Amino acid sequence: MRDERTAALATELRRRGLDAPALLLLHAHRPLRPLLGNLAVFLSPLTRPVQSRALQAVSDGLASDDGYDRLIRELEANEERG
């Protein structure tokens, strides 16, 4: 996930008051991330026709360790600022 998309997602989560729950879930599901990424790839032919491009970009970004970690860092940085 590119940095601007990560920042936009973190900002949107914060705007909706979901930054703390999202951060908690991201940390809790960190050990399952490889399995969840494989599941997303497996299900993508079924879900792609009904997903928006923005949701697909988020899904693709979270499928990588780097994107997942960037979102966690962005949410933690938002938490420290707020």
N, C-alpha and C. Protein backbone atom coordinates (compact mmCIF):
# COMPACT_ATOMS: atom_id res chain seq x y z
N MET A 1 0.85 -1.16 0.00
CA MET A 1 0.00 0.00 0.00
C MET A 1 0.89 1.23 0.00
N ARG A 2 0.60 2.16 -0.88
CA ARG A 2 1.41 3.37 -0.94
C ARG A 2 1.17 4.23 0.30
N ASP A 3 2.15 5.06 0.60
CA ASP A 3 2.08 5.86 1.82
C ASP A 3 0.86 6.77 1.88
N GLU A 4 0.48 7.38 0.74
CA GLU A 4 -0.68 8.27 0.77
C GLU A 4 -1.98 7.49 1.00
N ARG A 5 -2.06 6.28 0.48
CA ARG A 5 -3.24 5.45 0.75
C ARG A 5 -3.28 5.01 2.21
N THR A 6 -2.12 4.68 2.75
CA THR A 6 -2.04 4.29 4.15
C THR A 6 -2.46 5.46 5.03
N ALA A 7 -1.96 6.64 4.74
CA ALA A 7 -2.32 7.82 5.51
C ALA A 7 -3.81 8.13 5.38
N ALA A 8 -4.35 8.00 4.18
CA ALA A 8 -5.77 8.26 3.97
C ALA A 8 -6.64 7.26 4.74
N LEU A 9 -6.24 6.00 4.72
CA LEU A 9 -6.99 4.98 5.46
C LEU A 9 -6.92 5.25 6.96
N ALA A 10 -5.75 5.57 7.46
CA ALA A 10 -5.59 5.87 8.89
C ALA A 10 -6.41 7.10 9.27
N THR A 11 -6.41 8.11 8.43
CA THR A 11 -7.19 9.32 8.69
C THR A 11 -8.68 9.01 8.72
N GLU A 12 -9.14 8.21 7.79
CA GLU A 12 -10.56 7.85 7.74
C GLU A 12 -10.96 7.02 8.96
N LEU A 13 -10.11 6.09 9.37
CA LEU A 13 -10.39 5.31 10.57
C LEU A 13 -10.46 6.21 11.79
N ARG A 14 -9.55 7.17 11.86
CA ARG A 14 -9.54 8.10 12.99
C ARG A 14 -10.79 8.99 12.97
N ARG A 15 -11.18 9.46 11.80
CA ARG A 15 -12.36 10.32 11.67
C ARG A 15 -13.61 9.60 12.15
N ARG A 16 -13.67 8.31 11.90
CA ARG A 16 -14.84 7.52 12.31
C ARG A 16 -14.72 6.98 13.73
N GLY A 17 -13.62 7.27 14.40
CA GLY A 17 -13.43 6.80 15.76
C GLY A 17 -13.05 5.33 15.84
N LEU A 18 -12.50 4.81 14.75
CA LEU A 18 -12.16 3.39 14.69
C LEU A 18 -10.67 3.13 14.71
N ASP A 19 -9.88 4.15 15.01
CA ASP A 19 -8.43 3.96 14.97
C ASP A 19 -7.95 3.02 16.08
N ALA A 20 -8.46 3.17 17.28
CA ALA A 20 -8.04 2.28 18.38
C ALA A 20 -8.49 0.84 18.16
N PRO A 21 -9.77 0.60 17.79
CA PRO A 21 -10.16 -0.79 17.51
C PRO A 21 -9.40 -1.39 16.33
N ALA A 22 -9.14 -0.58 15.30
CA ALA A 22 -8.40 -1.09 14.15
C ALA A 22 -6.98 -1.47 14.55
N LEU A 23 -6.35 -0.63 15.35
CA LEU A 23 -5.00 -0.91 15.81
C LEU A 23 -4.96 -2.18 16.67
N LEU A 24 -5.94 -2.33 17.53
CA LEU A 24 -6.04 -3.52 18.35
C LEU A 24 -6.20 -4.78 17.48
N LEU A 25 -7.07 -4.71 16.49
CA LEU A 25 -7.29 -5.86 15.61
C LEU A 25 -6.06 -6.15 14.74
N LEU A 26 -5.39 -5.11 14.27
CA LEU A 26 -4.19 -5.32 13.47
C LEU A 26 -3.11 -6.02 14.28
N HIS A 27 -2.91 -5.59 15.52
CA HIS A 27 -1.91 -6.24 16.37
C HIS A 27 -2.33 -7.67 16.71
N ALA A 28 -3.61 -7.87 17.00
CA ALA A 28 -4.10 -9.20 17.38
C ALA A 28 -4.01 -10.20 16.24
N HIS A 29 -4.21 -9.72 15.01
CA HIS A 29 -4.22 -10.63 13.86
C HIS A 29 -2.88 -10.69 13.13
N ARG A 30 -1.87 -10.02 13.68
CA ARG A 30 -0.54 -10.01 13.04
C ARG A 30 -0.01 -11.42 12.77
N PRO A 31 -0.12 -12.37 13.71
CA PRO A 31 0.39 -13.72 13.42
C PRO A 31 -0.38 -14.43 12.30
N LEU A 32 -1.62 -14.01 12.07
CA LEU A 32 -2.44 -14.64 11.03
C LEU A 32 -2.31 -13.95 9.68
N ARG A 33 -1.57 -12.85 9.60
CA ARG A 33 -1.49 -12.07 8.37
C ARG A 33 -1.13 -12.88 7.14
N PRO A 34 -0.14 -13.77 7.19
CA PRO A 34 0.16 -14.56 5.98
C PRO A 34 -1.01 -15.44 5.55
N LEU A 35 -1.68 -16.04 6.51
CA LEU A 35 -2.83 -16.88 6.19
C LEU A 35 -3.99 -16.04 5.63
N LEU A 36 -4.24 -14.88 6.23
CA LEU A 36 -5.30 -14.01 5.75
C LEU A 36 -4.98 -13.47 4.36
N GLY A 37 -3.71 -13.20 4.10
CA GLY A 37 -3.31 -12.76 2.76
C GLY A 37 -3.56 -13.83 1.72
N ASN A 38 -3.24 -15.07 2.06
CA ASN A 38 -3.50 -16.18 1.14
C ASN A 38 -5.00 -16.38 0.94
N LEU A 39 -5.77 -16.20 1.98
CA LEU A 39 -7.22 -16.33 1.87
C LEU A 39 -7.79 -15.24 0.96
N ALA A 40 -7.26 -14.04 1.08
CA ALA A 40 -7.71 -12.95 0.22
C ALA A 40 -7.40 -13.24 -1.25
N VAL A 41 -6.23 -13.80 -1.51
CA VAL A 41 -5.87 -14.16 -2.89
C VAL A 41 -6.79 -15.26 -3.40
N PHE A 42 -7.08 -16.24 -2.56
CA PHE A 42 -7.94 -17.35 -2.94
C PHE A 42 -9.37 -16.88 -3.25
N LEU A 43 -9.87 -15.94 -2.45
CA LEU A 43 -11.24 -15.47 -2.62
C LEU A 43 -11.38 -14.32 -3.62
N SER A 44 -10.28 -13.76 -4.07
CA SER A 44 -10.35 -12.57 -4.93
C SER A 44 -11.15 -12.78 -6.22
N PRO A 45 -11.12 -13.94 -6.88
CA PRO A 45 -11.97 -14.07 -8.07
C PRO A 45 -13.46 -13.95 -7.75
N LEU A 46 -13.84 -14.31 -6.56
CA LEU A 46 -15.25 -14.21 -6.17
C LEU A 46 -15.63 -12.81 -5.70
N THR A 47 -14.71 -12.14 -5.02
CA THR A 47 -15.03 -10.84 -4.43
C THR A 47 -14.69 -9.66 -5.33
N ARG A 48 -13.81 -9.84 -6.28
CA ARG A 48 -13.37 -8.73 -7.13
C ARG A 48 -14.52 -8.06 -7.89
N PRO A 49 -15.47 -8.80 -8.44
CA PRO A 49 -16.55 -8.12 -9.18
C PRO A 49 -17.42 -7.20 -8.33
N VAL A 50 -17.51 -7.44 -7.04
CA VAL A 50 -18.37 -6.60 -6.20
C VAL A 50 -17.58 -5.59 -5.36
N GLN A 51 -16.26 -5.63 -5.43
CA GLN A 51 -15.44 -4.69 -4.67
C GLN A 51 -15.17 -3.43 -5.48
N SER A 52 -15.10 -2.31 -4.79
CA SER A 52 -14.69 -1.09 -5.45
C SER A 52 -13.17 -1.12 -5.63
N ARG A 53 -12.67 -0.26 -6.48
CA ARG A 53 -11.22 -0.20 -6.69
C ARG A 53 -10.48 0.22 -5.43
N ALA A 54 -11.08 1.14 -4.69
CA ALA A 54 -10.43 1.60 -3.46
C ALA A 54 -10.32 0.47 -2.45
N LEU A 55 -11.37 -0.31 -2.30
CA LEU A 55 -11.34 -1.44 -1.37
C LEU A 55 -10.35 -2.49 -1.84
N GLN A 56 -10.27 -2.71 -3.13
CA GLN A 56 -9.31 -3.67 -3.67
C GLN A 56 -7.87 -3.21 -3.42
N ALA A 57 -7.63 -1.90 -3.56
CA ALA A 57 -6.28 -1.36 -3.31
C ALA A 57 -5.90 -1.54 -1.84
N VAL A 58 -6.84 -1.32 -0.94
CA VAL A 58 -6.58 -1.52 0.49
C VAL A 58 -6.29 -2.99 0.76
N SER A 59 -7.11 -3.85 0.19
CA SER A 59 -6.92 -5.29 0.38
C SER A 59 -5.57 -5.74 -0.14
N ASP A 60 -5.20 -5.27 -1.31
CA ASP A 60 -3.89 -5.63 -1.88
C ASP A 60 -2.75 -5.09 -1.02
N GLY A 61 -2.92 -3.89 -0.49
CA GLY A 61 -1.88 -3.31 0.35
C GLY A 61 -1.70 -4.04 1.66
N LEU A 62 -2.79 -4.49 2.25
CA LEU A 62 -2.70 -5.20 3.52
C LEU A 62 -2.24 -6.64 3.34
N ALA A 63 -2.21 -7.12 2.10
CA ALA A 63 -1.75 -8.48 1.85
C ALA A 63 -0.24 -8.61 2.02
N SER A 64 0.47 -7.49 2.02
CA SER A 64 1.92 -7.54 2.19
C SER A 64 2.30 -7.14 3.62
N ASP A 65 3.38 -7.70 4.10
CA ASP A 65 3.87 -7.35 5.44
C ASP A 65 4.18 -5.86 5.54
N ASP A 66 4.76 -5.31 4.49
CA ASP A 66 5.15 -3.90 4.49
C ASP A 66 3.93 -2.99 4.62
N GLY A 67 2.90 -3.25 3.84
CA GLY A 67 1.68 -2.44 3.91
C GLY A 67 0.99 -2.55 5.25
N TYR A 68 0.96 -3.75 5.78
CA TYR A 68 0.34 -4.01 7.08
C TYR A 68 1.07 -3.23 8.17
N ASP A 69 2.40 -3.31 8.15
CA ASP A 69 3.21 -2.60 9.15
C ASP A 69 3.11 -1.09 9.00
N ARG A 70 3.02 -0.60 7.75
CA ARG A 70 2.88 0.84 7.54
C ARG A 70 1.58 1.36 8.13
N LEU A 71 0.49 0.59 7.95
CA LEU A 71 -0.79 1.02 8.51
C LEU A 71 -0.72 1.04 10.04
N ILE A 72 -0.10 0.06 10.64
CA ILE A 72 0.06 0.04 12.10
C ILE A 72 0.86 1.26 12.55
N ARG A 73 1.98 1.54 11.87
CA ARG A 73 2.80 2.71 12.25
C ARG A 73 2.01 4.01 12.11
N GLU A 74 1.23 4.12 11.04
CA GLU A 74 0.44 5.34 10.81
C GLU A 74 -0.62 5.51 11.90
N LEU A 75 -1.30 4.42 12.26
CA LEU A 75 -2.30 4.51 13.31
C LEU A 75 -1.67 4.83 14.66
N GLU A 76 -0.50 4.25 14.94
CA GLU A 76 0.19 4.55 16.19
C GLU A 76 0.66 6.01 16.21
N ALA A 77 1.11 6.53 15.09
CA ALA A 77 1.53 7.92 15.02
C ALA A 77 0.32 8.85 15.23
N ASN A 78 -0.82 8.49 14.65
CA ASN A 78 -2.04 9.27 14.87
C ASN A 78 -2.44 9.25 16.34
N GLU A 79 -2.28 8.09 16.98
CA GLU A 79 -2.65 7.96 18.38
C GLU A 79 -1.76 8.84 19.25
N GLU A 80 -0.48 8.92 18.92
CA GLU A 80 0.45 9.74 19.69
C GLU A 80 0.15 11.24 19.51
N ARG A 81 -0.26 11.63 18.29
CA ARG A 81 -0.58 13.02 18.01
C ARG A 81 -1.88 13.45 18.70
N GLY A 82 -2.85 12.51 18.74
CA GLY A 82 -4.19 12.86 19.26
C GLY A 82 -4.26 12.68 20.67
